[in-house]
Amino acid sequence: MTEPADHPLLSAVKPLVDAMGAELLPPAQAADDDVVLAWEGEDVIAVRLPQLSDSLDHILAAMERRHGMPLSDLDRRTKQSVVRTLEARGAFSVRHGVETVAGALGVSRFTVYNYLNRADPAKG
């Protein structure tokens, strides 16, 4: 059998798992809420999904890497774009999501709400 570290399924899913902030585990260590991935009928790897609040922190860190600077250093238009992206990814369905995003952007909660309303005129 191919070792899990060299398995083609692991190579295929690792970028997605990393982007989500998930954790890879041997199938034998999978808990009930982990996702076990199989290849040709054989369990290869288990994926432990992050808690939603951890996912938001991971998404914010990824956005900082993408922009090459702290989100608080971005200009207003780019911050608005970040808020639209985060809304599309469900960031504001997480408890304290607005507060977390506001802190990362270096703006007030009120400003984040204004960005959200500006992005969807039907809300305002």
N, C-alpha and C. Protein backbone atom coordinates (compact mmCIF):
# COMPACT_ATOMS: atom_id res chain seq x y z
N MET A 1 0.83 -1.19 0.00
CA MET A 1 0.00 0.00 0.00
C MET A 1 0.87 1.25 0.00
N THR A 2 0.39 2.29 -0.67
CA THR A 2 1.09 3.57 -0.68
C THR A 2 0.97 4.21 0.71
N GLU A 3 2.06 4.75 1.21
CA GLU A 3 2.02 5.44 2.49
C GLU A 3 1.10 6.66 2.36
N PRO A 4 0.30 6.99 3.40
CA PRO A 4 -0.61 8.13 3.31
C PRO A 4 0.07 9.44 2.91
N ALA A 5 1.29 9.68 3.38
CA ALA A 5 1.98 10.94 3.05
C ALA A 5 2.27 11.04 1.55
N ASP A 6 2.39 9.92 0.88
CA ASP A 6 2.67 9.90 -0.55
C ASP A 6 1.44 9.61 -1.39
N HIS A 7 0.30 9.43 -0.76
CA HIS A 7 -0.90 9.02 -1.47
C HIS A 7 -1.41 10.14 -2.37
N PRO A 8 -1.84 9.82 -3.59
CA PRO A 8 -2.33 10.87 -4.50
C PRO A 8 -3.56 11.59 -3.97
N LEU A 9 -4.40 10.93 -3.18
CA LEU A 9 -5.56 11.61 -2.61
C LEU A 9 -5.12 12.72 -1.66
N LEU A 10 -4.10 12.45 -0.85
CA LEU A 10 -3.59 13.46 0.07
C LEU A 10 -3.04 14.65 -0.70
N SER A 11 -2.30 14.38 -1.77
CA SER A 11 -1.76 15.47 -2.59
C SER A 11 -2.88 16.31 -3.20
N ALA A 12 -3.97 15.64 -3.57
CA ALA A 12 -5.08 16.35 -4.20
C ALA A 12 -5.85 17.23 -3.22
N VAL A 13 -6.06 16.75 -1.99
CA VAL A 13 -6.91 17.49 -1.05
C VAL A 13 -6.14 18.43 -0.13
N LYS A 14 -4.83 18.27 -0.03
CA LYS A 14 -4.06 19.07 0.93
C LYS A 14 -4.22 20.58 0.73
N PRO A 15 -4.17 21.11 -0.51
CA PRO A 15 -4.36 22.56 -0.65
C PRO A 15 -5.73 23.03 -0.14
N LEU A 16 -6.75 22.25 -0.36
CA LEU A 16 -8.08 22.61 0.13
C LEU A 16 -8.14 22.54 1.66
N VAL A 17 -7.58 21.49 2.22
CA VAL A 17 -7.55 21.33 3.68
C VAL A 17 -6.78 22.48 4.32
N ASP A 18 -5.66 22.84 3.73
CA ASP A 18 -4.87 23.96 4.26
C ASP A 18 -5.64 25.27 4.16
N ALA A 19 -6.32 25.49 3.05
CA ALA A 19 -7.08 26.73 2.86
C ALA A 19 -8.22 26.86 3.86
N MET A 20 -8.77 25.73 4.26
CA MET A 20 -9.87 25.75 5.24
C MET A 20 -9.37 25.84 6.67
N GLY A 21 -8.09 25.58 6.87
CA GLY A 21 -7.57 25.54 8.23
C GLY A 21 -7.93 24.25 8.94
N ALA A 22 -8.16 23.21 8.15
CA ALA A 22 -8.51 21.90 8.71
C ALA A 22 -7.25 21.14 9.08
N GLU A 23 -7.43 19.97 9.68
CA GLU A 23 -6.30 19.15 10.12
C GLU A 23 -6.43 17.76 9.52
N LEU A 24 -5.33 17.20 9.07
CA LEU A 24 -5.30 15.84 8.54
C LEU A 24 -4.88 14.87 9.63
N LEU A 25 -5.56 13.74 9.68
CA LEU A 25 -5.29 12.72 10.70
C LEU A 25 -5.32 11.33 10.07
N PRO A 26 -4.67 10.36 10.69
CA PRO A 26 -4.86 8.97 10.25
C PRO A 26 -6.32 8.58 10.46
N PRO A 27 -6.90 7.78 9.58
CA PRO A 27 -8.31 7.40 9.73
C PRO A 27 -8.64 6.77 11.08
N ALA A 28 -7.70 6.05 11.68
CA ALA A 28 -7.94 5.42 12.97
C ALA A 28 -8.16 6.43 14.09
N GLN A 29 -7.71 7.67 13.90
CA GLN A 29 -7.86 8.71 14.92
C GLN A 29 -9.09 9.59 14.67
N ALA A 30 -9.88 9.26 13.66
CA ALA A 30 -11.04 10.08 13.32
C ALA A 30 -12.11 10.02 14.40
N ALA A 31 -12.65 11.18 14.72
CA ALA A 31 -13.79 11.26 15.63
C ALA A 31 -15.07 11.19 14.80
N ASP A 32 -16.20 11.13 15.48
CA ASP A 32 -17.48 10.99 14.78
C ASP A 32 -17.76 12.13 13.80
N ASP A 33 -17.32 13.34 14.12
CA ASP A 33 -17.62 14.47 13.24
C ASP A 33 -16.49 14.78 12.25
N ASP A 34 -15.46 13.96 12.19
CA ASP A 34 -14.41 14.11 11.18
C ASP A 34 -14.88 13.47 9.88
N VAL A 35 -14.27 13.88 8.79
CA VAL A 35 -14.61 13.35 7.47
C VAL A 35 -13.49 12.40 7.06
N VAL A 36 -13.82 11.14 6.86
CA VAL A 36 -12.83 10.14 6.44
C VAL A 36 -12.91 10.02 4.92
N LEU A 37 -11.77 10.20 4.27
CA LEU A 37 -11.69 10.11 2.82
C LEU A 37 -11.12 8.76 2.42
N ALA A 38 -11.80 8.13 1.46
CA ALA A 38 -11.39 6.80 1.01
C ALA A 38 -10.95 6.87 -0.45
N TRP A 39 -10.11 5.94 -0.82
CA TRP A 39 -9.61 5.81 -2.19
C TRP A 39 -9.75 4.35 -2.56
N GLU A 40 -10.53 4.08 -3.56
CA GLU A 40 -10.77 2.71 -4.02
C GLU A 40 -11.17 1.80 -2.87
N GLY A 41 -12.08 2.29 -2.04
CA GLY A 41 -12.63 1.50 -0.96
C GLY A 41 -11.79 1.42 0.30
N GLU A 42 -10.64 2.05 0.31
CA GLU A 42 -9.76 2.01 1.48
C GLU A 42 -9.66 3.39 2.11
N ASP A 43 -9.89 3.48 3.44
CA ASP A 43 -9.75 4.75 4.15
C ASP A 43 -8.30 5.19 4.10
N VAL A 44 -8.08 6.43 3.65
CA VAL A 44 -6.72 6.94 3.48
C VAL A 44 -6.38 8.01 4.50
N ILE A 45 -7.30 8.94 4.72
CA ILE A 45 -6.99 10.08 5.59
C ILE A 45 -8.30 10.61 6.17
N ALA A 46 -8.21 11.18 7.35
CA ALA A 46 -9.37 11.84 7.96
C ALA A 46 -9.11 13.33 8.00
N VAL A 47 -10.17 14.10 7.83
CA VAL A 47 -10.08 15.56 7.87
C VAL A 47 -10.90 16.06 9.05
N ARG A 48 -10.23 16.78 9.93
CA ARG A 48 -10.91 17.40 11.07
C ARG A 48 -11.14 18.86 10.71
N LEU A 49 -12.41 19.21 10.54
CA LEU A 49 -12.77 20.57 10.16
C LEU A 49 -12.59 21.50 11.35
N PRO A 50 -12.19 22.73 11.09
CA PRO A 50 -12.00 23.68 12.19
C PRO A 50 -13.34 24.18 12.71
N GLN A 51 -13.33 24.70 13.92
CA GLN A 51 -14.50 25.39 14.45
C GLN A 51 -14.71 26.66 13.62
N LEU A 52 -15.94 27.12 13.51
CA LEU A 52 -16.22 28.29 12.68
C LEU A 52 -15.39 29.50 13.08
N SER A 53 -15.24 29.73 14.38
CA SER A 53 -14.47 30.90 14.81
C SER A 53 -13.01 30.78 14.40
N ASP A 54 -12.47 29.57 14.44
CA ASP A 54 -11.09 29.35 13.99
C ASP A 54 -10.99 29.57 12.48
N SER A 55 -12.05 29.19 11.76
CA SER A 55 -12.06 29.37 10.31
C SER A 55 -11.97 30.85 9.96
N LEU A 56 -12.69 31.69 10.68
CA LEU A 56 -12.66 33.13 10.40
C LEU A 56 -11.25 33.67 10.61
N ASP A 57 -10.60 33.29 11.68
CA ASP A 57 -9.22 33.74 11.91
C ASP A 57 -8.30 33.27 10.78
N HIS A 58 -8.52 32.04 10.34
CA HIS A 58 -7.70 31.49 9.25
C HIS A 58 -7.95 32.26 7.95
N ILE A 59 -9.21 32.57 7.67
CA ILE A 59 -9.55 33.32 6.46
C ILE A 59 -8.93 34.71 6.51
N LEU A 60 -9.01 35.37 7.65
CA LEU A 60 -8.42 36.70 7.78
C LEU A 60 -6.91 36.65 7.57
N ALA A 61 -6.25 35.65 8.13
CA ALA A 61 -4.80 35.52 7.94
C ALA A 61 -4.46 35.27 6.47
N ALA A 62 -5.27 34.46 5.80
CA ALA A 62 -5.04 34.20 4.38
C ALA A 62 -5.24 35.48 3.55
N MET A 63 -6.20 36.29 3.93
CA MET A 63 -6.42 37.54 3.20
C MET A 63 -5.26 38.51 3.40
N GLU A 64 -4.71 38.52 4.61
CA GLU A 64 -3.53 39.35 4.85
C GLU A 64 -2.36 38.89 3.99
N ARG A 65 -2.17 37.58 3.90
CA ARG A 65 -1.09 37.06 3.05
C ARG A 65 -1.33 37.43 1.59
N ARG A 66 -2.57 37.33 1.15
CA ARG A 66 -2.90 37.66 -0.24
C ARG A 66 -2.62 39.13 -0.55
N HIS A 67 -2.93 40.01 0.39
CA HIS A 67 -2.73 41.44 0.18
C HIS A 67 -1.31 41.88 0.52
N GLY A 68 -0.57 41.02 1.20
CA GLY A 68 0.82 41.32 1.52
C GLY A 68 1.02 42.36 2.59
N MET A 69 -0.02 42.58 3.39
CA MET A 69 0.07 43.56 4.48
C MET A 69 -1.08 43.33 5.45
N PRO A 70 -0.97 43.90 6.65
CA PRO A 70 -2.10 43.79 7.58
C PRO A 70 -3.36 44.40 6.95
N LEU A 71 -4.50 43.80 7.21
CA LEU A 71 -5.74 44.32 6.63
C LEU A 71 -6.02 45.74 7.09
N SER A 72 -5.56 46.09 8.27
CA SER A 72 -5.77 47.45 8.78
C SER A 72 -5.02 48.50 7.96
N ASP A 73 -4.01 48.08 7.20
CA ASP A 73 -3.24 49.01 6.38
C ASP A 73 -3.83 49.22 4.98
N LEU A 74 -4.89 48.48 4.64
CA LEU A 74 -5.49 48.61 3.32
C LEU A 74 -6.26 49.91 3.20
N ASP A 75 -6.43 50.38 1.95
CA ASP A 75 -7.25 51.58 1.74
C ASP A 75 -8.73 51.23 1.88
N ARG A 76 -9.57 52.25 1.97
CA ARG A 76 -11.00 52.05 2.23
C ARG A 76 -11.66 51.17 1.18
N ARG A 77 -11.39 51.40 -0.07
CA ARG A 77 -12.01 50.62 -1.14
C ARG A 77 -11.63 49.14 -1.03
N THR A 78 -10.39 48.87 -0.72
CA THR A 78 -9.95 47.48 -0.59
C THR A 78 -10.57 46.84 0.65
N LYS A 79 -10.70 47.60 1.73
CA LYS A 79 -11.38 47.08 2.92
C LYS A 79 -12.83 46.73 2.61
N GLN A 80 -13.49 47.56 1.81
CA GLN A 80 -14.86 47.26 1.41
C GLN A 80 -14.92 45.96 0.61
N SER A 81 -13.95 45.77 -0.26
CA SER A 81 -13.87 44.54 -1.05
C SER A 81 -13.65 43.33 -0.14
N VAL A 82 -12.79 43.49 0.87
CA VAL A 82 -12.54 42.42 1.83
C VAL A 82 -13.84 42.06 2.56
N VAL A 83 -14.60 43.06 2.97
CA VAL A 83 -15.86 42.81 3.67
C VAL A 83 -16.84 42.07 2.77
N ARG A 84 -16.91 42.44 1.50
CA ARG A 84 -17.80 41.73 0.56
C ARG A 84 -17.37 40.27 0.42
N THR A 85 -16.08 40.04 0.32
CA THR A 85 -15.57 38.67 0.20
C THR A 85 -15.89 37.88 1.46
N LEU A 86 -15.67 38.48 2.61
CA LEU A 86 -15.96 37.80 3.88
C LEU A 86 -17.45 37.52 4.03
N GLU A 87 -18.29 38.44 3.60
CA GLU A 87 -19.74 38.20 3.67
C GLU A 87 -20.12 37.00 2.79
N ALA A 88 -19.54 36.93 1.60
CA ALA A 88 -19.83 35.82 0.69
C ALA A 88 -19.37 34.50 1.29
N ARG A 89 -18.34 34.53 2.11
CA ARG A 89 -17.82 33.30 2.73
C ARG A 89 -18.47 32.99 4.08
N GLY A 90 -19.46 33.79 4.48
CA GLY A 90 -20.20 33.50 5.70
C GLY A 90 -19.57 34.00 6.98
N ALA A 91 -18.63 34.92 6.87
CA ALA A 91 -17.90 35.39 8.05
C ALA A 91 -18.81 36.04 9.09
N PHE A 92 -19.91 36.62 8.64
CA PHE A 92 -20.74 37.36 9.57
C PHE A 92 -21.85 36.50 10.18
N SER A 93 -21.84 35.20 9.86
CA SER A 93 -22.75 34.28 10.53
C SER A 93 -22.10 33.69 11.78
N VAL A 94 -20.81 33.93 11.94
CA VAL A 94 -20.06 33.47 13.11
C VAL A 94 -20.29 34.46 14.25
N ARG A 95 -20.47 33.93 15.44
CA ARG A 95 -20.65 34.80 16.60
C ARG A 95 -19.45 35.74 16.73
N HIS A 96 -19.71 37.00 16.90
CA HIS A 96 -18.71 38.06 17.01
C HIS A 96 -17.94 38.26 15.70
N GLY A 97 -18.51 37.81 14.59
CA GLY A 97 -17.85 37.96 13.30
C GLY A 97 -17.60 39.41 12.94
N VAL A 98 -18.61 40.27 13.14
CA VAL A 98 -18.44 41.69 12.81
C VAL A 98 -17.33 42.30 13.66
N GLU A 99 -17.32 41.99 14.94
CA GLU A 99 -16.30 42.53 15.83
C GLU A 99 -14.91 42.04 15.44
N THR A 100 -14.80 40.76 15.09
CA THR A 100 -13.51 40.18 14.70
C THR A 100 -13.00 40.83 13.43
N VAL A 101 -13.88 40.99 12.46
CA VAL A 101 -13.49 41.61 11.19
C VAL A 101 -13.14 43.08 11.41
N ALA A 102 -13.94 43.78 12.19
CA ALA A 102 -13.66 45.19 12.46
C ALA A 102 -12.27 45.34 13.09
N GLY A 103 -11.95 44.49 14.04
CA GLY A 103 -10.63 44.55 14.67
C GLY A 103 -9.51 44.30 13.67
N ALA A 104 -9.71 43.33 12.79
CA ALA A 104 -8.67 43.03 11.80
C ALA A 104 -8.49 44.16 10.80
N LEU A 105 -9.60 44.82 10.47
CA LEU A 105 -9.53 45.93 9.50
C LEU A 105 -9.13 47.25 10.15
N GLY A 106 -9.15 47.30 11.47
CA GLY A 106 -8.82 48.54 12.17
C GLY A 106 -9.91 49.59 12.02
N VAL A 107 -11.17 49.13 11.96
CA VAL A 107 -12.31 50.04 11.84
C VAL A 107 -13.32 49.68 12.91
N SER A 108 -14.37 50.48 13.03
CA SER A 108 -15.42 50.19 14.01
C SER A 108 -16.42 49.19 13.44
N ARG A 109 -17.21 48.62 14.33
CA ARG A 109 -18.30 47.74 13.88
C ARG A 109 -19.25 48.52 12.98
N PHE A 110 -19.52 49.77 13.34
CA PHE A 110 -20.40 50.62 12.56
C PHE A 110 -19.89 50.73 11.11
N THR A 111 -18.59 50.88 10.96
CA THR A 111 -17.99 50.97 9.62
C THR A 111 -18.19 49.67 8.85
N VAL A 112 -18.01 48.53 9.51
CA VAL A 112 -18.24 47.24 8.84
C VAL A 112 -19.69 47.15 8.39
N TYR A 113 -20.63 47.53 9.26
CA TYR A 113 -22.04 47.52 8.86
C TYR A 113 -22.29 48.45 7.67
N ASN A 114 -21.64 49.61 7.67
CA ASN A 114 -21.78 50.53 6.52
C ASN A 114 -21.24 49.88 5.25
N TYR A 115 -20.10 49.20 5.34
CA TYR A 115 -19.55 48.50 4.17
C TYR A 115 -20.52 47.42 3.68
N LEU A 116 -21.13 46.70 4.62
CA LEU A 116 -22.10 45.67 4.25
C LEU A 116 -23.32 46.28 3.57
N ASN A 117 -23.82 47.37 4.11
CA ASN A 117 -24.99 48.03 3.51
C ASN A 117 -24.66 48.62 2.14
N ARG A 118 -23.44 49.11 2.00
CA ARG A 118 -23.00 49.68 0.73
C ARG A 118 -22.89 48.59 -0.33
N ALA A 119 -22.51 47.41 0.10
CA ALA A 119 -22.36 46.28 -0.82
C ALA A 119 -23.71 45.78 -1.29
N ASP A 120 -24.76 45.94 -0.48
CA ASP A 120 -26.10 45.49 -0.84
C ASP A 120 -27.09 46.59 -0.55
N PRO A 121 -27.36 47.48 -1.53
CA PRO A 121 -28.26 48.61 -1.31
C PRO A 121 -29.67 48.19 -0.86
N ALA A 122 -30.08 46.96 -1.15
CA ALA A 122 -31.41 46.50 -0.73
C ALA A 122 -31.52 46.40 0.80
N LYS A 123 -30.38 46.25 1.48
CA LYS A 123 -30.39 46.16 2.94
C LYS A 123 -30.56 47.53 3.58
N GLY A 124 -30.12 48.56 2.90
CA GLY A 124 -30.12 49.89 3.50
C GLY A 124 -31.26 50.67 3.11
